[in-house]
């Protein structure tokens, strides 16, 4: 008989890293390592920095972020990224799309909960765990 195990990492939407980076840069400009650490709250693992830097290069090529080298007092110079006006507009578009997706997922989960008891963890907000029936 198959057993249910809770996934260790969330199933994130494709390209979800892009709006997350835009949001983090909306909060304040940052260098790559800072972004890598701050992405954890969205379910991203810090073990894949290549994914972050590929996304940053693509965002910069699209004109959504810009970067500049900044001297560091404690080591090598660091590239600091900041959001552009176009990036703010793109972030808003992503937020609207995520809101629509969230509403559809909530409708799905509400209907599914008619058959299976699910608990939404307060800490994770949207993480689900199977509860005893």
N, C-alpha and C. Protein backbone atom coordinates (compact mmCIF):
# COMPACT_ATOMS: atom_id res chain seq x y z
N UNK A 1 0.85 -1.18 0.00
CA UNK A 1 0.00 0.00 0.00
C UNK A 1 0.89 1.24 0.00
N UNK A 2 0.66 2.18 -0.92
CA UNK A 2 1.50 3.37 -0.98
C UNK A 2 1.29 4.23 0.27
N UNK A 3 2.34 4.89 0.68
CA UNK A 3 2.24 5.79 1.82
C UNK A 3 2.42 7.21 1.35
N UNK A 4 1.81 8.12 2.08
CA UNK A 4 1.93 9.54 1.76
C UNK A 4 3.09 10.13 2.54
N UNK A 5 3.94 10.83 1.84
CA UNK A 5 4.99 11.57 2.53
C UNK A 5 4.89 13.02 2.10
N UNK A 6 5.13 13.91 3.03
CA UNK A 6 5.10 15.33 2.73
C UNK A 6 6.33 15.70 1.92
N UNK A 7 6.17 16.44 0.82
CA UNK A 7 7.33 16.82 0.03
C UNK A 7 8.27 17.70 0.86
N UNK A 8 9.57 17.51 0.65
CA UNK A 8 10.54 18.29 1.41
C UNK A 8 10.68 19.71 0.84
N UNK A 9 10.39 19.88 -0.43
CA UNK A 9 10.44 21.21 -1.03
C UNK A 9 9.15 21.45 -1.79
N UNK A 10 8.69 22.69 -1.82
CA UNK A 10 7.45 22.97 -2.54
C UNK A 10 7.63 22.84 -4.05
N UNK A 11 6.56 22.52 -4.73
CA UNK A 11 6.56 22.48 -6.19
C UNK A 11 6.31 23.91 -6.67
N UNK A 12 7.38 24.61 -6.97
CA UNK A 12 7.27 26.01 -7.35
C UNK A 12 6.90 26.16 -8.82
N UNK A 13 6.14 27.20 -9.15
CA UNK A 13 5.80 27.43 -10.56
C UNK A 13 7.06 27.67 -11.39
N UNK A 14 6.97 27.30 -12.65
CA UNK A 14 8.07 27.51 -13.58
C UNK A 14 8.42 29.00 -13.63
N UNK A 15 9.69 29.33 -13.60
CA UNK A 15 10.19 30.71 -13.65
C UNK A 15 9.74 31.58 -12.47
N UNK A 16 9.33 30.96 -11.36
CA UNK A 16 8.92 31.70 -10.18
C UNK A 16 10.08 32.49 -9.58
N UNK A 17 11.29 32.09 -9.88
CA UNK A 17 12.45 32.81 -9.35
C UNK A 17 12.48 34.26 -9.86
N UNK A 18 12.01 34.49 -11.06
CA UNK A 18 12.05 35.85 -11.63
C UNK A 18 11.22 36.84 -10.80
N UNK A 19 9.93 36.59 -10.56
CA UNK A 19 9.19 37.56 -9.75
C UNK A 19 9.72 37.65 -8.32
N UNK A 20 10.26 36.56 -7.80
CA UNK A 20 10.82 36.61 -6.44
C UNK A 20 12.03 37.54 -6.39
N UNK A 21 12.91 37.44 -7.39
CA UNK A 21 14.07 38.33 -7.45
C UNK A 21 13.62 39.78 -7.60
N UNK A 22 12.64 40.01 -8.47
CA UNK A 22 12.14 41.37 -8.65
C UNK A 22 11.59 41.93 -7.34
N UNK A 23 10.85 41.12 -6.61
CA UNK A 23 10.30 41.56 -5.33
C UNK A 23 11.41 41.88 -4.33
N UNK A 24 12.39 41.00 -4.23
CA UNK A 24 13.49 41.24 -3.30
C UNK A 24 14.27 42.51 -3.66
N UNK A 25 14.44 42.76 -4.95
CA UNK A 25 15.13 43.97 -5.37
C UNK A 25 14.25 45.21 -5.21
N UNK A 26 12.95 45.03 -5.22
CA UNK A 26 12.02 46.14 -4.93
C UNK A 26 12.18 46.56 -3.48
N UNK A 27 12.43 45.57 -2.61
CA UNK A 27 12.64 45.88 -1.19
C UNK A 27 13.92 46.68 -1.00
N UNK A 28 15.00 46.24 -1.64
CA UNK A 28 16.25 47.01 -1.66
C UNK A 28 17.27 46.34 -2.57
N UNK A 29 18.17 47.15 -3.18
CA UNK A 29 19.22 46.58 -4.04
C UNK A 29 20.05 45.57 -3.25
N UNK A 30 20.61 44.59 -3.96
CA UNK A 30 21.35 43.53 -3.27
C UNK A 30 22.35 42.88 -4.21
N UNK A 31 23.32 42.21 -3.61
CA UNK A 31 24.26 41.41 -4.38
C UNK A 31 23.75 39.98 -4.43
N UNK A 32 24.36 39.17 -5.28
CA UNK A 32 23.87 37.82 -5.54
C UNK A 32 23.77 36.94 -4.31
N UNK A 33 24.80 36.94 -3.46
CA UNK A 33 24.76 36.07 -2.27
C UNK A 33 23.62 36.45 -1.35
N UNK A 34 23.39 37.75 -1.18
CA UNK A 34 22.28 38.22 -0.36
C UNK A 34 20.95 37.72 -0.94
N UNK A 35 20.79 37.84 -2.24
CA UNK A 35 19.56 37.37 -2.89
C UNK A 35 19.40 35.86 -2.71
N UNK A 36 20.49 35.13 -2.86
CA UNK A 36 20.44 33.67 -2.70
C UNK A 36 19.90 33.30 -1.32
N UNK A 37 20.36 33.97 -0.30
CA UNK A 37 19.89 33.70 1.06
C UNK A 37 18.43 34.12 1.24
N UNK A 38 18.08 35.26 0.71
CA UNK A 38 16.72 35.78 0.88
C UNK A 38 15.69 35.01 0.07
N UNK A 39 16.11 34.30 -0.97
CA UNK A 39 15.18 33.48 -1.76
C UNK A 39 14.68 32.26 -0.99
N UNK A 40 15.36 31.90 0.08
CA UNK A 40 14.97 30.72 0.86
C UNK A 40 13.53 30.79 1.34
N UNK A 41 13.06 31.98 1.71
CA UNK A 41 11.69 32.11 2.23
C UNK A 41 10.64 31.75 1.19
N UNK A 42 11.03 31.76 -0.08
CA UNK A 42 10.11 31.40 -1.15
C UNK A 42 10.24 29.93 -1.56
N UNK A 43 11.07 29.18 -0.84
CA UNK A 43 11.21 27.76 -1.11
C UNK A 43 12.38 27.38 -1.99
N UNK A 44 13.27 28.33 -2.30
CA UNK A 44 14.42 28.04 -3.14
C UNK A 44 15.59 27.57 -2.29
N UNK A 45 16.33 26.63 -2.81
CA UNK A 45 17.50 26.10 -2.13
C UNK A 45 18.72 26.97 -2.45
N UNK A 46 19.53 27.28 -1.45
CA UNK A 46 20.73 28.07 -1.71
C UNK A 46 21.86 27.26 -2.35
N UNK A 47 21.60 26.01 -2.65
CA UNK A 47 22.64 25.14 -3.21
C UNK A 47 22.77 25.26 -4.73
N UNK A 48 21.94 26.09 -5.37
CA UNK A 48 22.00 26.24 -6.82
C UNK A 48 22.19 27.71 -7.19
N UNK A 49 23.37 28.29 -6.90
CA UNK A 49 23.57 29.70 -7.24
C UNK A 49 23.53 29.95 -8.74
N UNK A 50 23.85 28.96 -9.55
CA UNK A 50 23.82 29.14 -10.99
C UNK A 50 22.45 29.55 -11.49
N UNK A 51 21.41 28.99 -10.90
CA UNK A 51 20.03 29.33 -11.28
C UNK A 51 19.78 30.81 -11.03
N UNK A 52 20.22 31.30 -9.88
CA UNK A 52 20.03 32.71 -9.54
C UNK A 52 20.78 33.60 -10.53
N UNK A 53 22.05 33.30 -10.78
CA UNK A 53 22.84 34.18 -11.64
C UNK A 53 22.36 34.13 -13.09
N UNK A 54 21.88 32.99 -13.55
CA UNK A 54 21.29 32.93 -14.90
C UNK A 54 20.05 33.83 -14.96
N UNK A 55 19.23 33.76 -13.93
CA UNK A 55 18.02 34.59 -13.88
C UNK A 55 18.38 36.07 -13.83
N UNK A 56 19.38 36.43 -13.02
CA UNK A 56 19.80 37.83 -12.94
C UNK A 56 20.31 38.34 -14.28
N UNK A 57 21.10 37.53 -14.98
CA UNK A 57 21.61 37.94 -16.31
C UNK A 57 20.44 38.14 -17.29
N UNK A 58 19.47 37.23 -17.23
CA UNK A 58 18.31 37.35 -18.12
C UNK A 58 17.48 38.58 -17.77
N UNK A 59 17.29 38.84 -16.49
CA UNK A 59 16.53 40.03 -16.07
C UNK A 59 17.25 41.31 -16.51
N UNK A 60 18.57 41.29 -16.42
CA UNK A 60 19.34 42.47 -16.84
C UNK A 60 19.26 42.63 -18.36
N UNK A 61 19.37 41.54 -19.09
CA UNK A 61 19.27 41.59 -20.56
C UNK A 61 17.89 42.11 -20.99
N UNK A 62 16.86 41.80 -20.20
CA UNK A 62 15.50 42.25 -20.50
C UNK A 62 15.24 43.68 -20.02
N UNK A 63 16.23 44.30 -19.37
CA UNK A 63 16.08 45.67 -18.90
C UNK A 63 15.27 45.80 -17.62
N UNK A 64 15.10 44.71 -16.89
CA UNK A 64 14.28 44.73 -15.67
C UNK A 64 15.11 45.01 -14.42
N UNK A 65 16.39 44.72 -14.49
CA UNK A 65 17.32 45.07 -13.41
C UNK A 65 18.57 45.66 -14.04
N UNK A 66 19.33 46.38 -13.24
CA UNK A 66 20.64 46.88 -13.67
C UNK A 66 21.61 46.57 -12.55
N UNK A 67 22.88 46.50 -12.92
CA UNK A 67 23.88 46.18 -11.91
C UNK A 67 25.09 47.08 -12.06
N UNK A 68 25.84 47.15 -10.97
CA UNK A 68 27.08 47.92 -10.95
C UNK A 68 27.99 47.29 -9.91
N UNK A 69 29.29 47.41 -10.14
CA UNK A 69 30.26 46.89 -9.19
C UNK A 69 30.36 47.86 -8.03
N UNK A 70 30.39 47.29 -6.82
CA UNK A 70 30.50 48.08 -5.61
C UNK A 70 31.70 47.59 -4.80
N UNK A 71 32.55 48.51 -4.35
CA UNK A 71 33.68 48.08 -3.54
C UNK A 71 33.21 47.43 -2.23
N UNK A 72 33.93 46.43 -1.81
CA UNK A 72 33.61 45.74 -0.56
C UNK A 72 34.75 45.96 0.42
N UNK A 73 34.40 46.26 1.65
CA UNK A 73 35.41 46.48 2.69
C UNK A 73 35.99 45.16 3.19
N UNK A 74 35.25 44.07 3.00
CA UNK A 74 35.67 42.79 3.59
C UNK A 74 36.04 41.74 2.55
N UNK A 75 36.33 42.13 1.33
CA UNK A 75 36.68 41.14 0.32
C UNK A 75 36.64 41.73 -1.07
N UNK A 76 36.44 40.87 -2.06
CA UNK A 76 36.41 41.37 -3.44
C UNK A 76 35.19 42.25 -3.70
N UNK A 77 35.29 43.08 -4.72
CA UNK A 77 34.15 43.90 -5.12
C UNK A 77 32.97 43.00 -5.46
N UNK A 78 31.77 43.55 -5.25
CA UNK A 78 30.56 42.78 -5.51
C UNK A 78 29.66 43.52 -6.50
N UNK A 79 28.97 42.73 -7.30
CA UNK A 79 28.00 43.30 -8.24
C UNK A 79 26.68 43.48 -7.49
N UNK A 80 26.19 44.72 -7.47
CA UNK A 80 24.93 45.04 -6.80
C UNK A 80 23.86 45.21 -7.86
N UNK A 81 22.73 44.57 -7.63
CA UNK A 81 21.60 44.62 -8.56
C UNK A 81 20.51 45.51 -7.99
N UNK A 82 19.84 46.24 -8.90
CA UNK A 82 18.70 47.05 -8.48
C UNK A 82 17.62 46.99 -9.56
N UNK A 83 16.41 47.25 -9.13
CA UNK A 83 15.25 47.18 -10.01
C UNK A 83 15.15 48.43 -10.86
N UNK A 84 14.76 48.27 -12.11
CA UNK A 84 14.50 49.41 -13.00
C UNK A 84 13.00 49.70 -12.98
N UNK A 85 12.61 50.78 -13.61
CA UNK A 85 11.17 51.12 -13.73
C UNK A 85 10.44 49.99 -14.46
N UNK A 86 11.04 49.48 -15.53
CA UNK A 86 10.42 48.36 -16.26
C UNK A 86 10.31 47.13 -15.36
N UNK A 87 11.28 46.94 -14.48
CA UNK A 87 11.23 45.82 -13.54
C UNK A 87 10.08 45.95 -12.56
N UNK A 88 9.82 47.19 -12.11
CA UNK A 88 8.68 47.41 -11.21
C UNK A 88 7.37 47.08 -11.91
N UNK A 89 7.26 47.48 -13.17
CA UNK A 89 6.04 47.17 -13.93
C UNK A 89 5.90 45.66 -14.13
N UNK A 90 7.00 45.00 -14.43
CA UNK A 90 6.98 43.54 -14.60
C UNK A 90 6.60 42.85 -13.29
N UNK A 91 7.13 43.34 -12.18
CA UNK A 91 6.79 42.79 -10.86
C UNK A 91 5.29 42.91 -10.62
N UNK A 92 4.71 44.05 -10.95
CA UNK A 92 3.26 44.24 -10.77
C UNK A 92 2.47 43.25 -11.62
N UNK A 93 2.91 43.05 -12.88
CA UNK A 93 2.23 42.08 -13.75
C UNK A 93 2.32 40.67 -13.17
N UNK A 94 3.50 40.31 -12.66
CA UNK A 94 3.65 38.98 -12.03
C UNK A 94 2.74 38.85 -10.82
N UNK A 95 2.66 39.91 -10.00
CA UNK A 95 1.83 39.85 -8.79
C UNK A 95 0.36 39.65 -9.16
N UNK A 96 -0.09 40.31 -10.21
CA UNK A 96 -1.48 40.12 -10.65
C UNK A 96 -1.72 38.69 -11.12
N UNK A 97 -0.78 38.14 -11.88
CA UNK A 97 -0.92 36.75 -12.36
C UNK A 97 -0.87 35.77 -11.20
N UNK A 98 0.00 36.00 -10.23
CA UNK A 98 0.11 35.12 -9.07
C UNK A 98 -1.18 35.19 -8.24
N UNK A 99 -1.78 36.36 -8.15
CA UNK A 99 -3.05 36.51 -7.42
C UNK A 99 -4.13 35.66 -8.08
N UNK A 100 -4.20 35.69 -9.40
CA UNK A 100 -5.19 34.87 -10.11
C UNK A 100 -4.92 33.38 -9.91
N UNK A 101 -3.65 32.99 -9.97
CA UNK A 101 -3.29 31.60 -9.75
C UNK A 101 -3.62 31.17 -8.33
N UNK A 102 -3.33 32.03 -7.38
CA UNK A 102 -3.61 31.73 -5.98
C UNK A 102 -5.10 31.51 -5.75
N UNK A 103 -5.92 32.33 -6.37
CA UNK A 103 -7.38 32.18 -6.23
C UNK A 103 -7.83 30.84 -6.80
N UNK A 104 -7.28 30.45 -7.95
CA UNK A 104 -7.65 29.16 -8.55
C UNK A 104 -7.19 28.00 -7.66
N UNK A 105 -5.99 28.11 -7.11
CA UNK A 105 -5.49 27.05 -6.22
C UNK A 105 -6.33 26.97 -4.94
N UNK A 106 -6.72 28.11 -4.40
CA UNK A 106 -7.58 28.11 -3.22
C UNK A 106 -8.92 27.43 -3.50
N UNK A 107 -9.50 27.69 -4.68
CA UNK A 107 -10.76 27.03 -5.04
C UNK A 107 -10.56 25.52 -5.12
N UNK A 108 -9.44 25.09 -5.73
CA UNK A 108 -9.14 23.67 -5.82
C UNK A 108 -9.03 23.06 -4.43
N UNK A 109 -8.23 23.69 -3.55
CA UNK A 109 -8.01 23.13 -2.21
C UNK A 109 -9.28 23.11 -1.38
N UNK A 110 -10.12 24.13 -1.53
CA UNK A 110 -11.38 24.15 -0.80
C UNK A 110 -12.25 22.96 -1.21
N UNK A 111 -12.30 22.67 -2.48
CA UNK A 111 -13.10 21.52 -2.95
C UNK A 111 -12.46 20.20 -2.54
N UNK A 112 -11.14 20.13 -2.61
CA UNK A 112 -10.44 18.91 -2.23
C UNK A 112 -10.63 18.63 -0.74
N UNK A 113 -10.66 19.66 0.08
CA UNK A 113 -10.83 19.49 1.52
C UNK A 113 -12.18 18.87 1.87
N UNK A 114 -13.12 18.82 0.93
CA UNK A 114 -14.38 18.13 1.17
C UNK A 114 -14.16 16.63 1.32
N UNK A 115 -13.06 16.11 0.79
CA UNK A 115 -12.77 14.68 0.80
C UNK A 115 -11.63 14.31 1.74
N UNK A 116 -10.66 15.18 1.89
CA UNK A 116 -9.48 14.89 2.69
C UNK A 116 -9.20 16.10 3.59
N UNK A 117 -8.92 15.83 4.84
CA UNK A 117 -8.60 16.93 5.76
C UNK A 117 -7.17 17.39 5.52
N UNK A 118 -7.03 18.66 5.22
CA UNK A 118 -5.71 19.26 5.02
C UNK A 118 -5.52 20.34 6.08
N UNK A 119 -4.32 20.45 6.57
CA UNK A 119 -4.02 21.53 7.51
C UNK A 119 -3.04 22.48 6.89
N UNK A 120 -3.33 23.74 6.98
CA UNK A 120 -2.41 24.75 6.46
C UNK A 120 -1.61 25.28 7.63
N UNK A 121 -0.28 25.11 7.54
CA UNK A 121 0.61 25.53 8.63
C UNK A 121 0.64 27.04 8.71
N UNK A 122 0.52 27.56 9.91
CA UNK A 122 0.58 29.00 10.11
C UNK A 122 1.93 29.56 9.69
N UNK A 123 3.00 28.83 9.98
CA UNK A 123 4.34 29.35 9.66
C UNK A 123 4.56 29.45 8.17
N UNK A 124 4.12 28.45 7.41
CA UNK A 124 4.36 28.44 5.97
C UNK A 124 3.26 29.11 5.19
N UNK A 125 2.09 29.28 5.82
CA UNK A 125 0.98 29.93 5.14
C UNK A 125 0.33 29.06 4.10
N UNK A 126 1.09 28.52 3.19
CA UNK A 126 0.51 27.76 2.10
C UNK A 126 1.00 26.32 2.07
N UNK A 127 1.84 25.91 3.02
CA UNK A 127 2.29 24.51 3.05
C UNK A 127 1.17 23.65 3.58
N UNK A 128 1.00 22.52 2.98
CA UNK A 128 -0.06 21.61 3.37
C UNK A 128 0.53 20.34 3.93
N UNK A 129 -0.15 19.80 4.90
CA UNK A 129 0.26 18.51 5.47
C UNK A 129 -0.99 17.65 5.62
N UNK A 130 -0.87 16.40 5.36
CA UNK A 130 -1.99 15.48 5.50
C UNK A 130 -2.27 15.29 6.97
N UNK A 131 -3.52 15.43 7.34
CA UNK A 131 -3.95 15.25 8.71
C UNK A 131 -4.71 13.95 8.82
N UNK A 132 -4.68 13.31 9.99
CA UNK A 132 -5.45 12.08 10.14
C UNK A 132 -6.93 12.32 9.89
N UNK A 133 -7.57 11.35 9.25
CA UNK A 133 -9.01 11.50 8.95
C UNK A 133 -9.85 11.10 10.13
